């Protein structure tokens, strides 16, 4: 069963560009080398420059959880985390999906 991870973020004032630069440094490495990773999206609220959302899809939720436990994960995401004023993560298993 595929997994979806959702991060609800509030970025520190004035750090949106730093956040995007840090995300750019992580996303290609994850896409090219982390087993089970399928896709990421980073989204910004049209009403609040500090409210952001990252979603990622995985072959299974266990693929994400295994990667999250590694030192590599902690090292890669530290620059991004340094821009967070608040962060919340939610993890889901995808039960149904509507194809194109």
N, C-alpha and C. Protein backbone atom coordinates (compact mmCIF):
# COMPACT_ATOMS: atom_id res chain seq x y z
N UNK A 1 0.85 -1.18 0.00
CA UNK A 1 0.00 0.00 0.00
C UNK A 1 0.89 1.25 0.00
N UNK A 2 0.68 2.14 -0.98
CA UNK A 2 1.48 3.36 -1.05
C UNK A 2 1.25 4.25 0.17
N UNK A 3 2.23 5.08 0.46
CA UNK A 3 2.15 5.99 1.59
C UNK A 3 2.24 7.44 1.16
N UNK A 4 1.60 8.30 1.94
CA UNK A 4 1.64 9.75 1.71
C UNK A 4 2.09 10.39 3.01
N UNK A 5 3.06 11.29 2.92
CA UNK A 5 3.53 12.05 4.07
C UNK A 5 3.23 13.52 3.79
N UNK A 6 2.65 14.18 4.78
CA UNK A 6 2.25 15.58 4.64
C UNK A 6 2.93 16.38 5.75
N UNK A 7 3.61 17.44 5.36
CA UNK A 7 4.23 18.35 6.32
C UNK A 7 3.52 19.70 6.22
N UNK A 8 2.94 20.13 7.32
CA UNK A 8 2.32 21.45 7.42
C UNK A 8 3.34 22.36 8.09
N UNK A 9 3.73 23.43 7.40
CA UNK A 9 4.85 24.24 7.85
C UNK A 9 4.49 25.71 7.96
N UNK A 10 5.07 26.34 8.95
CA UNK A 10 5.08 27.80 9.02
C UNK A 10 6.55 28.19 8.99
N UNK A 11 6.91 28.98 7.99
CA UNK A 11 8.29 29.39 7.79
C UNK A 11 8.54 30.69 8.56
N UNK A 12 9.71 30.79 9.16
CA UNK A 12 10.07 32.02 9.89
C UNK A 12 9.98 33.21 8.94
N UNK A 13 9.54 34.36 9.44
CA UNK A 13 9.43 35.55 8.58
C UNK A 13 10.75 35.85 7.87
N UNK A 14 10.63 36.13 6.58
CA UNK A 14 11.79 36.49 5.78
C UNK A 14 12.68 35.33 5.37
N UNK A 15 12.29 34.09 5.68
CA UNK A 15 13.14 32.94 5.38
C UNK A 15 12.58 32.06 4.26
N UNK A 16 11.61 32.56 3.51
CA UNK A 16 11.01 31.76 2.45
C UNK A 16 12.05 31.35 1.40
N UNK A 17 12.92 32.27 1.00
CA UNK A 17 13.94 31.96 0.00
C UNK A 17 14.94 30.93 0.54
N UNK A 18 15.31 31.08 1.82
CA UNK A 18 16.20 30.10 2.45
C UNK A 18 15.54 28.72 2.47
N UNK A 19 14.25 28.69 2.79
CA UNK A 19 13.51 27.43 2.80
C UNK A 19 13.54 26.77 1.42
N UNK A 20 13.23 27.56 0.38
CA UNK A 20 13.20 27.00 -0.98
C UNK A 20 14.59 26.52 -1.42
N UNK A 21 15.63 27.25 -1.06
CA UNK A 21 16.99 26.82 -1.39
C UNK A 21 17.33 25.52 -0.68
N UNK A 22 16.95 25.40 0.58
CA UNK A 22 17.21 24.18 1.33
C UNK A 22 16.41 23.01 0.76
N UNK A 23 15.16 23.26 0.39
CA UNK A 23 14.32 22.22 -0.22
C UNK A 23 14.95 21.76 -1.53
N UNK A 24 15.45 22.69 -2.32
CA UNK A 24 16.08 22.35 -3.59
C UNK A 24 17.28 21.44 -3.36
N UNK A 25 18.01 21.65 -2.29
CA UNK A 25 19.15 20.81 -1.97
C UNK A 25 18.78 19.41 -1.55
N UNK A 26 17.56 19.21 -1.08
CA UNK A 26 17.11 17.90 -0.61
C UNK A 26 16.39 17.13 -1.71
N UNK A 27 15.55 17.79 -2.46
CA UNK A 27 14.61 17.09 -3.33
C UNK A 27 15.27 16.24 -4.41
N UNK A 28 16.34 16.73 -5.01
CA UNK A 28 16.98 15.95 -6.07
C UNK A 28 17.68 14.72 -5.51
N UNK A 29 18.31 14.88 -4.35
CA UNK A 29 18.97 13.74 -3.72
C UNK A 29 17.97 12.67 -3.34
N UNK A 30 16.82 13.09 -2.84
CA UNK A 30 15.78 12.12 -2.47
C UNK A 30 15.23 11.45 -3.72
N UNK A 31 14.92 12.24 -4.72
CA UNK A 31 14.32 11.68 -5.94
C UNK A 31 15.26 10.70 -6.65
N UNK A 32 16.54 10.95 -6.56
CA UNK A 32 17.49 10.11 -7.29
C UNK A 32 18.03 8.94 -6.48
N UNK A 33 17.88 8.99 -5.16
CA UNK A 33 18.59 7.97 -4.42
C UNK A 33 17.91 7.34 -3.22
N UNK A 34 16.71 7.74 -2.88
CA UNK A 34 16.07 7.16 -1.71
C UNK A 34 15.07 6.10 -2.17
N UNK A 35 15.32 4.89 -1.73
CA UNK A 35 14.48 3.77 -2.13
C UNK A 35 13.02 4.00 -1.73
N UNK A 36 12.13 3.76 -2.67
CA UNK A 36 10.70 3.84 -2.40
C UNK A 36 10.08 5.20 -2.63
N UNK A 37 10.89 6.24 -2.83
CA UNK A 37 10.35 7.58 -3.05
C UNK A 37 9.74 7.67 -4.44
N UNK A 38 8.54 8.24 -4.53
CA UNK A 38 7.86 8.39 -5.83
C UNK A 38 7.80 9.84 -6.29
N UNK A 39 7.31 10.74 -5.43
CA UNK A 39 7.14 12.14 -5.85
C UNK A 39 6.98 13.04 -4.63
N UNK A 40 7.39 14.28 -4.78
CA UNK A 40 7.21 15.33 -3.77
C UNK A 40 6.50 16.51 -4.42
N UNK A 41 5.84 17.27 -3.59
CA UNK A 41 5.30 18.57 -4.01
C UNK A 41 5.52 19.55 -2.87
N UNK A 42 5.92 20.76 -3.20
CA UNK A 42 6.01 21.83 -2.21
C UNK A 42 5.01 22.89 -2.64
N UNK A 43 4.19 23.35 -1.69
CA UNK A 43 3.09 24.27 -1.99
C UNK A 43 3.12 25.43 -0.99
N UNK A 44 2.75 26.60 -1.49
CA UNK A 44 2.66 27.80 -0.64
C UNK A 44 1.23 28.29 -0.63
N UNK A 45 0.79 28.75 0.52
CA UNK A 45 -0.55 29.32 0.63
C UNK A 45 -0.61 30.62 -0.16
N UNK A 46 -1.68 30.81 -0.95
CA UNK A 46 -1.81 32.08 -1.67
C UNK A 46 -2.18 33.24 -0.75
N UNK A 47 -2.59 32.92 0.47
CA UNK A 47 -3.03 33.95 1.41
C UNK A 47 -2.02 34.29 2.49
N UNK A 48 -0.97 33.46 2.64
CA UNK A 48 -0.01 33.66 3.73
C UNK A 48 1.35 33.13 3.29
N UNK A 49 2.30 34.03 3.05
CA UNK A 49 3.63 33.64 2.57
C UNK A 49 4.39 32.73 3.53
N UNK A 50 3.95 32.66 4.78
CA UNK A 50 4.65 31.84 5.76
C UNK A 50 4.08 30.43 5.88
N UNK A 51 2.90 30.17 5.28
CA UNK A 51 2.26 28.85 5.36
C UNK A 51 2.63 28.01 4.14
N UNK A 52 3.22 26.85 4.38
CA UNK A 52 3.67 25.96 3.32
C UNK A 52 3.21 24.54 3.59
N UNK A 53 3.25 23.73 2.54
CA UNK A 53 2.86 22.33 2.62
C UNK A 53 3.83 21.54 1.75
N UNK A 54 4.35 20.45 2.29
CA UNK A 54 5.12 19.50 1.48
C UNK A 54 4.40 18.17 1.56
N UNK A 55 4.16 17.56 0.41
CA UNK A 55 3.62 16.21 0.39
C UNK A 55 4.62 15.33 -0.34
N UNK A 56 4.72 14.11 0.10
CA UNK A 56 5.55 13.15 -0.62
C UNK A 56 4.82 11.82 -0.68
N UNK A 57 5.02 11.12 -1.78
CA UNK A 57 4.40 9.82 -1.99
C UNK A 57 5.49 8.77 -2.06
N UNK A 58 5.21 7.61 -1.44
CA UNK A 58 6.19 6.54 -1.31
C UNK A 58 5.56 5.22 -1.73
N UNK A 59 6.40 4.29 -2.20
CA UNK A 59 5.91 2.96 -2.55
C UNK A 59 5.17 2.32 -1.38
N UNK A 60 5.72 2.50 -0.18
CA UNK A 60 5.06 2.10 1.07
C UNK A 60 5.44 3.12 2.13
N UNK A 61 4.64 3.23 3.15
CA UNK A 61 4.96 4.14 4.25
C UNK A 61 6.24 3.70 4.94
N UNK A 62 6.49 2.40 4.99
CA UNK A 62 7.71 1.90 5.64
C UNK A 62 8.97 2.41 4.94
N UNK A 63 8.93 2.61 3.61
CA UNK A 63 10.08 3.19 2.92
C UNK A 63 10.42 4.56 3.50
N UNK A 64 9.40 5.39 3.70
CA UNK A 64 9.65 6.72 4.27
C UNK A 64 10.16 6.59 5.70
N UNK A 65 9.51 5.78 6.51
CA UNK A 65 9.89 5.64 7.92
C UNK A 65 11.32 5.15 8.06
N UNK A 66 11.73 4.23 7.21
CA UNK A 66 13.10 3.72 7.25
C UNK A 66 14.09 4.84 6.93
N UNK A 67 13.78 5.64 5.90
CA UNK A 67 14.66 6.74 5.54
C UNK A 67 14.68 7.81 6.63
N UNK A 68 13.52 8.09 7.22
CA UNK A 68 13.42 9.12 8.25
C UNK A 68 14.31 8.78 9.45
N UNK A 69 14.52 7.51 9.72
CA UNK A 69 15.33 7.09 10.87
C UNK A 69 16.83 7.23 10.64
N UNK A 70 17.26 7.52 9.41
CA UNK A 70 18.69 7.55 9.12
C UNK A 70 19.32 8.89 9.48
N UNK A 71 20.62 8.84 9.74
CA UNK A 71 21.39 10.06 9.98
C UNK A 71 21.44 10.91 8.71
N UNK A 72 21.49 10.26 7.55
CA UNK A 72 21.49 10.98 6.28
C UNK A 72 20.26 11.89 6.18
N UNK A 73 19.10 11.37 6.55
CA UNK A 73 17.87 12.16 6.52
C UNK A 73 18.01 13.38 7.43
N UNK A 74 18.44 13.15 8.66
CA UNK A 74 18.57 14.27 9.60
C UNK A 74 19.54 15.33 9.07
N UNK A 75 20.65 14.88 8.51
CA UNK A 75 21.64 15.83 7.97
C UNK A 75 21.09 16.60 6.78
N UNK A 76 20.40 15.91 5.87
CA UNK A 76 19.87 16.57 4.67
C UNK A 76 18.81 17.61 4.99
N UNK A 77 17.92 17.31 5.93
CA UNK A 77 16.80 18.22 6.18
C UNK A 77 17.10 19.30 7.21
N UNK A 78 18.25 19.24 7.88
CA UNK A 78 18.56 20.25 8.90
C UNK A 78 18.50 21.69 8.37
N UNK A 79 19.11 22.01 7.22
CA UNK A 79 19.00 23.39 6.73
C UNK A 79 17.54 23.81 6.50
N UNK A 80 16.71 22.89 6.07
CA UNK A 80 15.31 23.20 5.87
C UNK A 80 14.62 23.42 7.21
N UNK A 81 14.88 22.54 8.16
CA UNK A 81 14.25 22.66 9.48
C UNK A 81 14.63 23.96 10.18
N UNK A 82 15.81 24.46 9.90
CA UNK A 82 16.26 25.71 10.51
C UNK A 82 15.39 26.89 10.10
N UNK A 83 14.61 26.75 9.04
CA UNK A 83 13.73 27.84 8.58
C UNK A 83 12.31 27.72 9.16
N UNK A 84 12.01 26.64 9.87
CA UNK A 84 10.66 26.40 10.36
C UNK A 84 10.39 27.17 11.65
N UNK A 85 9.28 27.89 11.68
CA UNK A 85 8.77 28.44 12.93
C UNK A 85 7.89 27.39 13.61
N UNK A 86 7.16 26.62 12.79
CA UNK A 86 6.31 25.53 13.27
C UNK A 86 6.31 24.44 12.21
N UNK A 87 6.17 23.20 12.66
CA UNK A 87 6.10 22.08 11.70
C UNK A 87 5.28 20.95 12.31
N UNK A 88 4.49 20.35 11.45
CA UNK A 88 3.69 19.19 11.85
C UNK A 88 3.74 18.19 10.70
N UNK A 89 3.92 16.92 11.02
CA UNK A 89 3.91 15.91 9.96
C UNK A 89 2.79 14.91 10.20
N UNK A 90 2.20 14.47 9.11
CA UNK A 90 1.13 13.49 9.13
C UNK A 90 1.49 12.39 8.14
N UNK A 91 1.20 11.16 8.50
CA UNK A 91 1.52 10.03 7.64
C UNK A 91 0.26 9.22 7.38
N UNK A 92 0.09 8.82 6.11
CA UNK A 92 -1.11 8.10 5.69
C UNK A 92 -0.76 6.96 4.77
N UNK A 93 -1.59 5.93 4.77
CA UNK A 93 -1.55 4.90 3.74
C UNK A 93 -2.63 5.23 2.72
N UNK A 94 -2.30 5.15 1.43
CA UNK A 94 -3.25 5.48 0.37
C UNK A 94 -4.17 4.28 0.16
N UNK A 95 -5.45 4.48 0.41
CA UNK A 95 -6.44 3.41 0.33
C UNK A 95 -7.07 3.33 -1.06
N UNK A 96 -7.39 4.48 -1.63
CA UNK A 96 -7.97 4.55 -2.97
C UNK A 96 -7.29 5.69 -3.72
N UNK A 97 -7.26 5.54 -5.04
CA UNK A 97 -6.65 6.57 -5.88
C UNK A 97 -7.44 6.65 -7.18
N UNK A 98 -7.72 7.85 -7.62
CA UNK A 98 -8.43 8.06 -8.87
C UNK A 98 -7.41 8.30 -9.98
N UNK A 99 -7.36 7.43 -10.98
CA UNK A 99 -6.40 7.62 -12.07
C UNK A 99 -6.87 8.72 -13.01
N UNK A 100 -5.96 9.16 -13.88
CA UNK A 100 -6.28 10.18 -14.89
C UNK A 100 -7.26 9.61 -15.89
